[in-house]
Structures are given as structure tokens and as C-alpha cells.
Amino acid sequence: MTRYWIAMALLALAVGGLFQAVARYQIPLLKMAGMIGLLLMGVVGNLALSHQQTDRGRRRVEAALKALEPDFIITDWAEGRGPAGAPEYLVVGPGGLAAVVLDPMPQSTWRRRAPKRLAAARDRARAAAEWVAATGAAAGVSVPPPLPVVVLTRRLVQPGEEDQGGVLVLNPEHLGDRLRQLAGPERLDPRERVRITRRLRQAADRQAAAGKGRPGAR
């Protein structure tokens, strides 16, 4: 966020100087440059707001997942920490696994565009769940089919969107309650949860080392 505010401050100084020059010298070109500067300030301000909302949504997701511990084991592969194809968060609970991906679609997304973007997010969640299953199989771990989950961090889930095609679509405040359903009936005892998580993290690190992503899961 700091870089956005620095950019805004520099633009404000530049625009202020340009309009002072316009008032003194009455040069149309300087006025045009000042108007462009105002436009750039609007663009940077919008980027700053988008970044702030996305970051706040991610923190809400992480708080919801943190509240599930210690019965659930959370692996954080968000922001490029995991290999290509991995979910942003892997959840291993007593009743199974969940592959969680985030989508920062804004509330202002056009109605015609929102379904396409949501469909793409669902596809990404399904692909992440398939990655978990395939990676587990390659690592010699038999895992229950992971539940694909999309969390909208900037847009409210609309009626009819929550469960389509086997993919859950949630807001951060509902994530914890829905994932607690993975608490029972118990299919994975604590040792098995640890074993599955360890094997998947090791496999992810190997993929990252091979250049398919960046290591550093939390």
C-alpha cells in the first residue's frame, strides 16, 4: 500500500505545480498535463482501494482458517508461495480436505461479466482440487476427494451462486462454518492428517524446486 500513497503524493505535488504554472503563464499544454495528472491520480487511487480491499479480504480468510486449528491443518500457498496449480490454501480436516482459492472480483462487476468470472474461479478451484488429488497419489498418499472452494473477498455471494457444479462459493465470514463440516464423520485421525499434509507439502516443494512455482508454504 505504501507505494500507492507515495505515488499519490508525488502526483499531487506535480499536478499542483502544473496548475500553479497554468495560473501564472496561461500555457494550454500545462493545463492538459495537469488534467492528465488528475486522471492518473484517480487511477492510482482506484488501484490503492482495490489492493486494500483485497488485502483485507485475505486477512479475513486467514483469520477464519486460523480459527479452525488445531483440529484442521492449514497450508498457506497464497501469493505465489505454492507451486503452479496448487490451491491458495489447503485445509486438511478430520472429515476430509478442501482446496481453497480466492477471487477478488469487485462488487461493481457487471452482471453480464460476473457469471463468466465466477465460472473461471470455479474452474480454478476444481483444478486446484485435482492438483491435490494427483499430487497426493504421486506422493503415495491416498486422500479423500478434496472439496473445491472459491472465496469471494470483495463481492457478496448472490443467491444461487453458493453451490454449483460441486464447488462451494463463499464469503470469508461463512468459510469457517462450512469447513467445520469437514470435522465429521471423522475419516482422518490426527496422525493421518499430519502425514497427508507433510507429504503434500514435500511434493509441492519438489515441484517448486523444479521451477514450477515458488516454495515457502506457511
Foldseek 3Di string as FASTA:
>chain_A
DVVLVVLLVVLVVQLVVLVVCCVVPVDVVSVVVSVVSVVVSVVSVVVVVLVVLVVVQVVLLVVLLVVPPDQKDKKACPPFQWFPQAARIWIQHQQFIAREHEDADAQPPDPVCVVVVLVVQQVSQQSNQVCLCVLCVVLVHHGDRHQREYEHRHHQDDPPSQADPRYGYYHSVCVNVVCCVSHPPGPADPVRSVVSVVSSLVSRVVNVVVPRTHHDMD
